C-alpha atoms as a PDB file:
ATOM      1  CA  MET A   1      49.609  42.133 -42.421  1.00  0.00           C
ATOM      2  CA  SER A   2      50.111  39.196 -44.725  1.00  0.00           C
ATOM      3  CA  GLU A   3      49.002  39.314 -48.319  1.00  0.00           C
ATOM      4  CA  ALA A   4      46.284  36.715 -47.627  1.00  0.00           C
ATOM      5  CA  THR A   5      44.669  38.807 -44.882  1.00  0.00           C
ATOM      6  CA  ASN A   6      44.874  41.935 -47.020  1.00  0.00           C
ATOM      7  CA  ASP A   7      43.185  40.252 -49.986  1.00  0.00           C
ATOM      8  CA  PRO A   8      40.035  42.247 -50.943  1.00  0.00           C
ATOM      9  CA  GLU A   9      37.722  39.239 -50.572  1.00  0.00           C
ATOM     10  CA  THR A  10      39.113  38.416 -47.132  1.00  0.00           C
ATOM     11  CA  ARG A  11      38.676  42.046 -46.141  1.00  0.00           C
ATOM     12  CA  ARG A  12      35.084  42.014 -47.404  1.00  0.00           C
ATOM     13  CA  ARG A  13      34.262  38.920 -45.335  1.00  0.00           C
ATOM     14  CA  ARG A  14      35.852  40.497 -42.248  1.00  0.00           C
ATOM     15  CA  ILE A  15      33.895  43.725 -42.826  1.00  0.00           C
ATOM     16  CA  LEU A  16      30.634  41.812 -43.282  1.00  0.00           C
ATOM     17  CA  TYR A  17      31.220  40.059 -39.963  1.00  0.00           C
ATOM     18  CA  ARG A  18      32.135  43.272 -38.125  1.00  0.00           C
ATOM     19  CA  ALA A  19      29.115  45.107 -39.536  1.00  0.00           C
ATOM     20  CA  ALA A  20      26.651  42.385 -38.524  1.00  0.00           C
ATOM     21  CA  HIS A  21      28.085  41.694 -35.052  1.00  0.00           C
ATOM     22  CA  ARG A  22      28.061  45.065 -33.333  1.00  0.00           C
ATOM     23  CA  GLY A  23      26.557  44.250 -29.956  1.00  0.00           C
ATOM     24  CA  THR A  24      23.000  45.513 -30.408  1.00  0.00           C
ATOM     25  CA  LYS A  25      20.385  44.089 -32.718  1.00  0.00           C
ATOM     26  CA  GLU A  26      19.599  47.535 -34.112  1.00  0.00           C
ATOM     27  CA  MET A  27      23.183  48.238 -35.145  1.00  0.00           C
ATOM     28  CA  ASP A  28      23.683  44.655 -36.353  1.00  0.00           C
ATOM     29  CA  TRP A  29      20.685  45.130 -38.609  1.00  0.00           C
ATOM     30  CA  LEU A  30      21.449  48.688 -39.796  1.00  0.00           C
ATOM     31  CA  LEU A  31      25.107  48.104 -40.582  1.00  0.00           C
ATOM     32  CA  GLY A  32      24.885  44.414 -41.462  1.00  0.00           C
ATOM     33  CA  ARG A  33      22.156  44.754 -44.076  1.00  0.00           C
ATOM     34  CA  PHE A  34      23.931  47.709 -45.673  1.00  0.00           C
ATOM     35  CA  ALA A  35      27.221  45.800 -45.755  1.00  0.00           C
ATOM     36  CA  GLU A  36      25.591  42.673 -47.245  1.00  0.00           C
ATOM     37  CA  ALA A  37      24.148  44.749 -50.074  1.00  0.00           C
ATOM     38  CA  GLU A  38      27.026  47.136 -50.753  1.00  0.00           C
ATOM     39  CA  VAL A  39      30.432  45.816 -49.692  1.00  0.00           C
ATOM     40  CA  SER A  40      30.832  43.537 -52.708  1.00  0.00           C
ATOM     41  CA  THR A  41      30.932  46.671 -54.894  1.00  0.00           C
ATOM     42  CA  PHE A  42      33.481  48.581 -52.776  1.00  0.00           C
ATOM     43  CA  ASP A  43      36.915  49.301 -54.184  1.00  0.00           C
ATOM     44  CA  GLU A  44      40.035  49.336 -51.958  1.00  0.00           C
ATOM     45  CA  GLU A  45      39.519  52.960 -50.931  1.00  0.00           C
ATOM     46  CA  GLU A  46      35.888  52.375 -49.946  1.00  0.00           C
ATOM     47  CA  LEU A  47      36.909  49.259 -48.006  1.00  0.00           C
ATOM     48  CA  ASP A  48      39.454  51.370 -46.096  1.00  0.00           C
ATOM     49  CA  SER A  49      36.858  54.048 -45.378  1.00  0.00           C
ATOM     50  CA  PHE A  50      34.158  51.612 -44.283  1.00  0.00           C
ATOM     51  CA  GLU A  51      36.599  49.757 -42.009  1.00  0.00           C
ATOM     52  CA  ALA A  52      37.435  53.097 -40.380  1.00  0.00           C
ATOM     53  CA  PHE A  53      33.711  53.879 -40.076  1.00  0.00           C
ATOM     54  CA  LEU A  54      33.086  50.520 -38.381  1.00  0.00           C
ATOM     55  CA  SER A  55      35.726  51.360 -35.775  1.00  0.00           C
ATOM     56  CA  LEU A  56      33.609  54.307 -34.545  1.00  0.00           C
ATOM     57  CA  PRO A  57      31.526  53.803 -31.379  1.00  0.00           C
ATOM     58  CA  ASP A  58      28.012  52.452 -31.937  1.00  0.00           C
ATOM     59  CA  PRO A  59      26.300  55.198 -29.887  1.00  0.00           C
ATOM     60  CA  GLU A  60      27.758  57.859 -32.198  1.00  0.00           C
ATOM     61  CA  ILE A  61      26.767  56.017 -35.369  1.00  0.00           C
ATOM     62  CA  GLN A  62      23.289  55.344 -34.012  1.00  0.00           C
ATOM     63  CA  GLN A  63      22.806  58.994 -33.065  1.00  0.00           C
ATOM     64  CA  TRP A  64      23.916  60.161 -36.512  1.00  0.00           C
ATOM     65  CA  LEU A  65      21.487  57.735 -38.139  1.00  0.00           C
ATOM     66  CA  MET A  66      18.461  58.070 -35.882  1.00  0.00           C
ATOM     67  CA  ASP A  67      18.515  61.636 -34.524  1.00  0.00           C
ATOM     68  CA  PRO A  68      17.421  64.132 -37.197  1.00  0.00           C
ATOM     69  CA  ALA A  69      18.879  66.996 -35.124  1.00  0.00           C
ATOM     70  CA  SER A  70      22.312  65.376 -34.976  1.00  0.00           C
ATOM     71  CA  PRO A  71      24.828  67.135 -37.225  1.00  0.00           C
ATOM     72  CA  ARG A  72      26.367  65.096 -39.991  1.00  0.00           C
ATOM     73  CA  PRO A  73      29.858  63.903 -39.083  1.00  0.00           C
ATOM     74  CA  PRO A  74      32.735  65.227 -41.195  1.00  0.00           C
ATOM     75  CA  GLY A  75      34.509  63.454 -44.030  1.00  0.00           C
ATOM     76  CA  GLU A  76      34.024  59.840 -44.979  1.00  0.00           C
ATOM     77  CA  ALA A  77      31.965  59.106 -41.859  1.00  0.00           C
ATOM     78  CA  GLY A  78      29.416  61.665 -43.040  1.00  0.00           C
ATOM     79  CA  ARG A  79      29.279  60.105 -46.483  1.00  0.00           C
ATOM     80  CA  PHE A  80      28.634  56.666 -44.982  1.00  0.00           C
ATOM     81  CA  VAL A  81      25.942  58.081 -42.707  1.00  0.00           C
ATOM     82  CA  GLU A  82      24.209  59.558 -45.764  1.00  0.00           C
ATOM     83  CA  ARG A  83      24.555  56.281 -47.680  1.00  0.00           C
ATOM     84  CA  LEU A  84      23.146  54.324 -44.730  1.00  0.00           C
ATOM     85  CA  LYS A  85      20.219  56.735 -44.335  1.00  0.00           C
ATOM     86  CA  LYS A  86      19.419  56.475 -48.030  1.00  0.00           C
ATOM     87  CA  PHE A  87      19.785  52.688 -48.012  1.00  0.00           C
ATOM     88  CA  HIS A  88      17.411  52.309 -45.048  1.00  0.00           C
ATOM     89  CA  ASP A  89      15.146  55.194 -46.104  1.00  0.00           C
ATOM     90  CA  ILE A  90      15.695  56.990 -42.800  1.00  0.00           C
END
């Protein structure tokens, strides 16, 4: 990856696009709004973690967010699920 495409601001713009263009309006809204509000504050490690989170399938993310009986996913995915739930007051 070239230095220009690995630049933090370029990564943030790419993440914002990926978060807001998921394929369903619900996921576009849930992930896109969170990303718009939070990604500008992310350090390199958080950018890495959120990019990995965005690569997960939408049905899994949606279940973790919307189904109270769904167990929290492990690791960083679980932390982002908690942050998203808090952000959206779910």
